[in-house]
Structures are given as C-alpha cells and as structure tokens.
Amino acid sequence: MSQQNLTTLTEFILLGVTRQPELQIPLLGVFLIIYTITVLGNLGMIILTQMDSHLHTPMYFFIKHLAFIDLGNSTVICPKMLVNFVVDQNAISYYACATQLAFFLMFIISEFFILSAMAYDRYSAICNPLLYNVIMSQRRCHVLVGIPYLYSTFQALMFTIKIFTLNFCSSNIINHFYCDDVPLLLLLCSNAQEIELLIILFSAFNLLSSLLVVLVSYILILTAIFRMHSAEGRKKAFSTCGSHLMVVIVFYGSLLFMYTQPKSIHSFDTDKMASVFYTLVIPMLNPLIYSLRNKEVKNAFYRVFKSQCKL
C-alpha cells in the first residue's frame, strides 16, 4: 500500500445537501423550522405520555419510545447540518463522524422494530380485545422495546468499529450531509467486501423482517375489521390503527423508494433527498400525526396544561 493511502485522517468534509451557494440560507431556514417542530413535538409527546396517567397504556408506551427515537435520530444529524450551512468548510472530526454514524444506525434500526412492535400491539388490541391487557403486559412491552434497542446497539457498534478500524484513503470528502455507512465505504482503501456484504444482509433483514411483521399484523387486523357487523365497531377499529398505519406508510415508503430504484437512475442526490425525508421530515411528522388525529392526546394536553396552571 502506498504512503498516500496510509495518510491518517483527522477529519472528513461533508458535501452537504446541496453545493449551490444561493440555496444555503433558504435551506438553513427550512431545516431550522423542521428541527424546531421536531424537538417540540417529540419532547412534548414524551413529557405528555409520562405525566398524564390516562396515557399510561401499551400504545402510548410505544409512542413515547418512537418519539425518543425520532428526537434522537434528528438530533444526531440536524444540528451539525445547520452549522454546516453557515461555515465555509463542512468539516467533521474523525471521532465525531464515528459517533454520528453509530448513533444514527442505532436510532434508525430501532425505529424499524418499534414500528413492528406497535403493529403487533394494534393487532392485539383489535383482534384480541378481551385478552389485550394480558397479552400486552408491562413485562412484554418492555421486552418488545428492549430487544430492538439491544439489537440496534449491537449492529451500530459492529458496523462503526469495522468501518473505522479499516484504512481510509487520502480523500476525506463524504458525498452526504452526515456520516453514513455507504458513502464512508467508498473512501476505504482496505478490502471492504466483507463489511459491504454484512451491510446488505443486515439492511435487507431489518427492512424485510420488520415490514413482514407489519404486513401480517395489518392483514389480520383488516380481516377482523371486515368480519365486524357493527359500523361503529369498524370505525373505532380504523381510528385505533389509522395513525400508526399512516406513519408506517410514510416511513417504509421513503425507504423502499430509495432501495428499489433502478441502477440507471440511482444517484447519491436521490439518496440524499430520501435521507432528508426519513431522518428529518418523518421525525417531524410523527408527533403531528399522533397528536392532531388523536382526541386522547389532545385531552391529555388540556389536562396537563390545566394542572400546571393551577400550580
């Protein structure tokens, strides 16, 4: 290996969302608004589900963890991206890049399986209403949340350690707005076939296994709904799972769009747009979907607000 390839990198340069200077300030404003709404929405959802006893149910337990994941995912990426809009060189240190990659992977992988756990919860509520409290016990809820966190942490550490213990070439330019595994692989001088294969296998497993749980759950839910004789019962069942179904469609839709593009039209620019959507836009939309379409959340907000005003 040449001396050039053994150059020790101390930082990476992120090319960002766009290279057009005239778009930097408008995009800064747009993403600042998105991040502000994301923080307020998800933090508000976490506080609300913690403070209001009426929301101490399995469904809101999962919503609270989804809000935590969305807040974490957005916070790992957005603040650094906002800074990069106003500085001349979009630099990120070697260790900060490794840290960002690890936390991004942990949060995004967790979201896959939290969404599938929420689908199972909705299936239990609609298909087995009499046994719902037995099936979705506190212990089972903690297991359904704990396993995704442990599994995602294992994957995040594995990929981050494998990538950052290999040799990078002298080029330190990442064609992205954050440190992601695929753009980093392109900078490696070492043979990266093993890590590439692992990323493909685990990514396929994460996407397909979690999506399979969601699809099976909703097939069973729809079957149960169509068997209902009461129109009121059907309406209530649809309202019970409507918000989650909307979140699932938006999340998996953006990922499938990115992964199923033909190679002829696939590019890093389209990957960036898809990444903006599932790392920044979706974390903003999720708390809005669960609050604006949910009377229980609205009522809980009024109760907490009134109780705080009396203090």
Protein backbone atom coordinates (compact mmCIF):
# COMPACT_ATOMS: atom_id res chain seq x y z
CA MET A 1 0.00 0.00 0.00
CA SER A 2 1.39 3.43 -0.88
CA GLN A 3 2.29 6.11 1.66
CA GLN A 4 -0.59 8.23 0.33
CA ASN A 5 -3.08 5.52 1.21
CA LEU A 6 -1.72 5.33 4.75
CA THR A 7 -2.47 9.01 5.41
CA THR A 8 -4.03 9.37 8.87
CA LEU A 9 -7.31 11.25 8.61
CA THR A 10 -8.27 13.64 11.40
CA GLU A 11 -11.47 14.94 9.81
CA PHE A 12 -13.93 14.48 6.96
CA ILE A 13 -15.56 17.04 4.68
CA LEU A 14 -19.32 16.70 4.22
CA LEU A 15 -20.58 17.96 0.86
CA GLY A 16 -23.98 18.66 2.38
CA VAL A 17 -27.48 18.65 0.88
CA THR A 18 -26.55 20.96 -1.99
CA ARG A 19 -23.45 22.68 -3.38
CA GLN A 20 -25.39 25.71 -4.67
CA PRO A 21 -24.44 28.76 -2.50
CA GLU A 22 -27.70 30.62 -3.19
CA LEU A 23 -29.70 27.78 -1.55
CA GLN A 24 -27.69 27.66 1.70
CA ILE A 25 -29.60 30.36 3.63
CA PRO A 26 -33.12 29.32 2.47
CA LEU A 27 -32.36 25.68 3.35
CA LEU A 28 -30.96 26.77 6.72
CA GLY A 29 -34.31 28.43 7.46
CA VAL A 30 -36.34 25.42 6.29
CA PHE A 31 -34.34 22.85 8.26
CA LEU A 32 -34.23 25.07 11.37
CA ILE A 33 -38.05 25.19 11.32
CA ILE A 34 -38.24 21.41 10.74
CA TYR A 35 -35.85 20.70 13.63
CA THR A 36 -37.64 23.11 16.00
CA ILE A 37 -41.00 21.42 15.29
CA THR A 38 -39.34 18.00 15.68
CA VAL A 39 -37.88 18.84 19.10
CA LEU A 40 -41.06 20.48 20.41
CA GLY A 41 -43.34 17.76 19.02
CA ASN A 42 -41.37 14.72 20.17
CA LEU A 43 -40.27 16.17 23.50
CA GLY A 44 -43.86 17.25 24.12
CA MET A 45 -45.11 13.73 23.33
CA ILE A 46 -42.55 12.18 25.73
CA ILE A 47 -43.48 14.58 28.55
CA LEU A 48 -47.22 14.19 27.93
CA THR A 49 -47.19 10.38 27.95
CA GLN A 50 -45.06 10.46 31.09
CA MET A 51 -47.17 12.99 33.04
CA ASP A 52 -50.74 12.02 32.12
CA SER A 53 -51.94 8.80 33.78
CA HIS A 54 -54.61 8.28 31.07
CA LEU A 55 -51.79 7.70 28.57
CA HIS A 56 -50.07 5.00 30.65
CA THR A 57 -51.16 2.29 28.21
CA PRO A 58 -49.14 -0.03 25.93
CA MET A 59 -49.95 2.03 22.81
CA TYR A 60 -48.63 5.27 24.31
CA PHE A 61 -45.68 3.45 25.84
CA PHE A 62 -44.57 2.58 22.29
CA ILE A 63 -45.43 6.08 21.01
CA LYS A 64 -43.20 7.54 23.75
CA HIS A 65 -40.27 5.38 22.62
CA LEU A 66 -40.92 6.21 18.96
CA ALA A 67 -40.80 9.92 19.92
CA PHE A 68 -37.49 9.34 21.75
CA ILE A 69 -36.03 7.56 18.70
CA ASP A 70 -37.23 10.29 16.31
CA LEU A 71 -35.84 13.02 18.56
CA GLY A 72 -32.51 11.20 18.86
CA ASN A 73 -32.25 10.47 15.13
CA SER A 74 -32.93 14.08 14.19
CA THR A 75 -30.61 15.49 16.88
CA VAL A 76 -27.70 13.30 15.78
CA ILE A 77 -27.87 14.81 12.27
CA CYS A 78 -29.64 18.17 12.14
CA PRO A 79 -27.63 20.48 14.47
CA LYS A 80 -24.36 19.66 12.67
CA MET A 81 -26.07 20.10 9.30
CA LEU A 82 -27.41 23.53 10.36
CA VAL A 83 -23.90 24.63 11.39
CA ASN A 84 -22.53 23.47 8.04
CA PHE A 85 -24.92 25.80 6.19
CA VAL A 86 -23.16 28.86 7.67
CA VAL A 87 -19.49 27.79 7.75
CA ASP A 88 -17.09 27.81 4.81
CA GLN A 89 -15.88 24.23 5.17
CA ASN A 90 -18.29 21.49 6.27
CA ALA A 91 -15.76 19.60 8.39
CA ILE A 92 -16.49 16.88 10.97
CA SER A 93 -13.77 15.31 13.08
CA TYR A 94 -12.83 11.64 12.68
CA TYR A 95 -14.27 10.61 16.06
CA ALA A 96 -17.34 12.82 15.73
CA CYS A 97 -18.06 11.12 12.40
CA ALA A 98 -17.75 7.67 14.00
CA THR A 99 -20.03 8.76 16.87
CA GLN A 100 -22.61 10.20 14.48
CA LEU A 101 -22.64 7.00 12.40
CA ALA A 102 -23.06 4.80 15.49
CA PHE A 103 -25.98 6.78 16.93
CA PHE A 104 -27.66 7.19 13.54
CA LEU A 105 -27.55 3.42 12.94
CA MET A 106 -28.80 2.69 16.44
CA PHE A 107 -31.81 5.02 16.13
CA ILE A 108 -32.80 4.11 12.56
CA ILE A 109 -32.60 0.33 13.21
CA SER A 110 -34.57 0.75 16.45
CA GLU A 111 -37.33 2.54 14.53
CA PHE A 112 -37.86 -0.48 12.25
CA PHE A 113 -38.65 -2.79 15.14
CA ILE A 114 -40.52 -0.28 17.32
CA LEU A 115 -42.91 0.23 14.39
CA SER A 116 -43.35 -3.54 14.04
CA ALA A 117 -43.94 -3.83 17.82
CA MET A 118 -46.58 -1.12 17.51
CA ALA A 119 -48.25 -3.08 14.68
CA TYR A 120 -48.35 -6.16 16.92
CA ASP A 121 -49.85 -4.01 19.69
CA ARG A 122 -52.60 -2.77 17.35
CA TYR A 123 -53.25 -6.36 16.22
CA SER A 124 -53.65 -7.46 19.83
CA ALA A 125 -55.99 -4.54 20.62
CA ILE A 126 -58.32 -5.18 17.66
CA CYS A 127 -58.17 -8.97 17.23
CA ASN A 128 -57.97 -9.93 20.92
CA PRO A 129 -59.60 -7.06 22.84
CA LEU A 130 -60.65 -9.19 25.84
CA LEU A 131 -57.13 -10.54 26.32
CA TYR A 132 -55.35 -7.32 25.34
CA ASN A 133 -54.18 -6.37 28.86
CA VAL A 134 -52.93 -9.91 29.43
CA ILE A 135 -51.11 -10.14 26.08
CA MET A 136 -49.60 -6.65 26.25
CA SER A 137 -48.43 -6.88 29.85
CA GLN A 138 -45.90 -4.39 31.18
CA ARG A 139 -43.17 -7.04 31.03
CA ARG A 140 -43.91 -7.87 27.38
CA CYS A 141 -43.95 -4.18 26.44
CA HIS A 142 -40.51 -3.72 27.99
CA VAL A 143 -39.21 -6.79 26.14
CA LEU A 144 -40.63 -5.53 22.81
CA VAL A 145 -38.79 -2.23 23.34
CA GLY A 146 -35.63 -3.55 25.00
CA ILE A 147 -34.74 -6.13 22.34
CA PRO A 148 -34.75 -3.56 19.45
CA TYR A 149 -32.50 -1.24 21.50
CA LEU A 150 -30.02 -4.04 22.27
CA TYR A 151 -30.10 -5.39 18.70
CA SER A 152 -29.65 -1.94 17.14
CA THR A 153 -26.81 -1.07 19.53
CA PHE A 154 -25.04 -4.32 18.60
CA GLN A 155 -25.35 -3.54 14.87
CA ALA A 156 -24.36 0.11 15.28
CA LEU A 157 -21.19 -0.80 17.19
CA MET A 158 -20.33 -3.67 14.84
CA PHE A 159 -20.56 -1.57 11.65
CA THR A 160 -18.90 1.51 13.15
CA ILE A 161 -15.96 -0.45 14.59
CA LYS A 162 -15.49 -2.46 11.38
CA ILE A 163 -15.51 0.67 9.18
CA PHE A 164 -13.29 2.83 11.38
CA THR A 165 -10.68 0.12 12.02
CA LEU A 166 -10.04 -0.19 8.26
CA ASN A 167 -7.70 2.11 6.33
CA PHE A 168 -9.10 5.22 4.67
CA CYS A 169 -7.51 6.65 1.55
CA SER A 170 -6.20 10.23 1.44
CA SER A 171 -9.56 11.52 0.18
CA ASN A 172 -11.75 12.62 3.08
CA ILE A 173 -14.75 14.02 1.14
CA ILE A 174 -18.10 12.40 2.02
CA ASN A 175 -20.81 12.93 -0.57
CA HIS A 176 -23.57 13.30 2.01
CA PHE A 177 -24.83 15.69 4.72
CA TYR A 178 -23.98 13.27 7.56
CA CYS A 179 -21.70 10.28 8.16
CA ASP A 180 -23.48 7.27 6.67
CA ASP A 181 -22.04 3.80 6.11
CA VAL A 182 -22.31 3.58 2.30
CA PRO A 183 -20.53 6.91 1.49
CA LEU A 184 -17.82 6.01 4.03
CA LEU A 185 -17.23 2.63 2.35
CA LEU A 186 -16.29 4.47 -0.86
CA LEU A 187 -13.37 6.13 0.97
CA LEU A 188 -11.81 2.87 2.19
CA CYS A 189 -8.53 1.63 0.74
CA SER A 190 -8.84 -1.72 2.50
CA ASN A 191 -10.84 -4.59 1.06
CA ALA A 192 -14.38 -3.72 2.15
CA GLN A 193 -16.21 -6.70 0.63
CA GLU A 194 -16.92 -8.31 4.00
CA ILE A 195 -18.42 -5.17 5.54
CA GLU A 196 -20.36 -4.42 2.33
CA LEU A 197 -21.89 -7.90 2.41
CA LEU A 198 -22.78 -7.54 6.10
CA ILE A 199 -24.44 -4.17 5.48
CA ILE A 200 -26.50 -5.58 2.60
CA LEU A 201 -27.57 -8.68 4.57
CA PHE A 202 -28.45 -6.85 7.80
CA SER A 203 -30.19 -3.98 5.95
CA ALA A 204 -32.31 -6.47 4.00
CA PHE A 205 -33.12 -8.41 7.17
CA ASN A 206 -34.04 -5.27 9.13
CA LEU A 207 -36.29 -3.92 6.38
CA LEU A 208 -37.98 -7.16 5.32
CA SER A 209 -38.45 -8.77 8.75
CA SER A 210 -39.96 -5.66 10.35
CA LEU A 211 -42.10 -4.99 7.26
CA LEU A 212 -43.31 -8.60 7.30
CA VAL A 213 -44.50 -8.24 10.91
CA VAL A 214 -46.32 -5.01 9.97
CA LEU A 215 -47.95 -6.54 6.87
CA VAL A 216 -49.07 -9.73 8.65
CA SER A 217 -50.44 -7.69 11.56
CA TYR A 218 -52.47 -5.44 9.27
CA ILE A 219 -53.74 -8.32 7.13
CA LEU A 220 -55.10 -9.92 10.34
CA ILE A 221 -56.46 -6.54 11.50
CA LEU A 222 -58.27 -5.93 8.20
CA THR A 223 -59.67 -9.48 8.27
CA ALA A 224 -61.03 -8.88 11.78
CA ILE A 225 -62.48 -5.48 10.81
CA PHE A 226 -64.33 -6.85 7.78
CA ARG A 227 -65.85 -9.56 9.97
CA MET A 228 -67.34 -6.94 12.30
CA HIS A 229 -71.10 -6.46 11.93
CA SER A 230 -71.20 -3.04 13.57
CA ALA A 231 -70.31 0.04 11.51
CA GLU A 232 -69.39 1.82 14.74
CA GLY A 233 -67.03 -1.03 15.63
CA ARG A 234 -65.31 -0.80 12.23
CA LYS A 235 -64.93 2.97 12.56
CA LYS A 236 -63.42 2.62 16.04
CA ALA A 237 -61.03 -0.10 14.83
CA PHE A 238 -59.86 2.03 11.89
CA SER A 239 -59.33 5.05 14.15
CA THR A 240 -57.32 2.86 16.56
CA CYS A 241 -54.73 1.91 13.93
CA GLY A 242 -55.08 4.81 11.45
CA SER A 243 -52.27 6.97 12.85
CA HIS A 244 -49.81 4.10 13.05
CA LEU A 245 -50.69 2.94 9.53
CA MET A 246 -50.00 6.46 8.20
CA VAL A 247 -46.61 6.57 9.96
CA VAL A 248 -45.70 3.12 8.59
CA ILE A 249 -46.64 4.05 5.01
CA VAL A 250 -44.56 7.23 5.10
CA PHE A 251 -41.51 5.57 6.73
CA TYR A 252 -41.36 2.37 4.68
CA GLY A 253 -42.44 4.20 1.52
CA SER A 254 -39.40 6.50 1.63
CA LEU A 255 -37.04 3.58 2.33
CA LEU A 256 -38.49 1.37 -0.41
CA PHE A 257 -38.24 4.31 -2.82
CA MET A 258 -34.51 4.55 -2.09
CA TYR A 259 -33.76 0.80 -2.16
CA THR A 260 -35.85 -0.17 -5.21
CA GLN A 261 -34.62 2.46 -7.68
CA PRO A 262 -33.15 1.08 -10.93
CA LYS A 263 -29.37 1.45 -11.13
CA SER A 264 -29.75 3.55 -14.30
CA ILE A 265 -31.40 6.42 -12.38
CA HIS A 266 -29.92 5.79 -8.93
CA SER A 267 -27.61 8.54 -7.63
CA PHE A 268 -26.33 10.00 -4.38
CA ASP A 269 -28.55 13.06 -4.94
CA THR A 270 -31.70 10.93 -4.83
CA ASP A 271 -30.29 9.11 -1.79
CA LYS A 272 -29.81 12.49 -0.10
CA MET A 273 -33.41 13.51 -0.75
CA ALA A 274 -34.69 10.19 0.62
CA SER A 275 -32.36 10.57 3.61
CA VAL A 276 -33.68 14.08 4.31
CA PHE A 277 -37.17 12.62 4.34
CA TYR A 278 -36.64 9.69 6.73
CA THR A 279 -34.08 11.37 9.03
CA LEU A 280 -35.58 14.88 9.29
CA VAL A 281 -39.09 15.13 7.83
CA ILE A 282 -40.57 11.90 9.25
CA PRO A 283 -39.40 12.66 12.85
CA MET A 284 -41.25 15.99 12.48
CA LEU A 285 -44.42 14.39 11.05
CA ASN A 286 -44.79 11.51 13.52
CA PRO A 287 -45.78 13.54 16.63
CA LEU A 288 -48.08 15.68 14.47
CA ILE A 289 -49.84 12.58 13.12
CA TYR A 290 -50.26 11.09 16.61
CA SER A 291 -51.47 14.35 18.18
CA LEU A 292 -53.59 16.11 15.54
CA ARG A 293 -55.62 12.97 14.77
CA ASN A 294 -55.91 11.79 18.37
CA LYS A 295 -58.53 13.02 20.85
CA GLU A 296 -56.83 11.24 23.77
CA VAL A 297 -53.60 13.18 23.21
CA LYS A 298 -55.49 16.48 22.88
CA ASN A 299 -57.44 15.80 26.07
CA ALA A 300 -54.25 14.80 27.87
CA PHE A 301 -52.61 18.05 26.78
CA TYR A 302 -55.52 20.09 28.19
CA ARG A 303 -55.43 18.14 31.47
CA VAL A 304 -51.66 18.61 31.92
CA PHE A 305 -51.90 22.28 30.91
CA LYS A 306 -54.70 22.92 33.44
CA SER A 307 -52.88 21.10 36.22
CA GLN A 308 -49.72 23.13 35.57
CA CYS A 309 -51.69 26.41 35.53
CA LYS A 310 -53.13 25.63 38.97
CA LEU A 311 -49.66 25.29 40.49
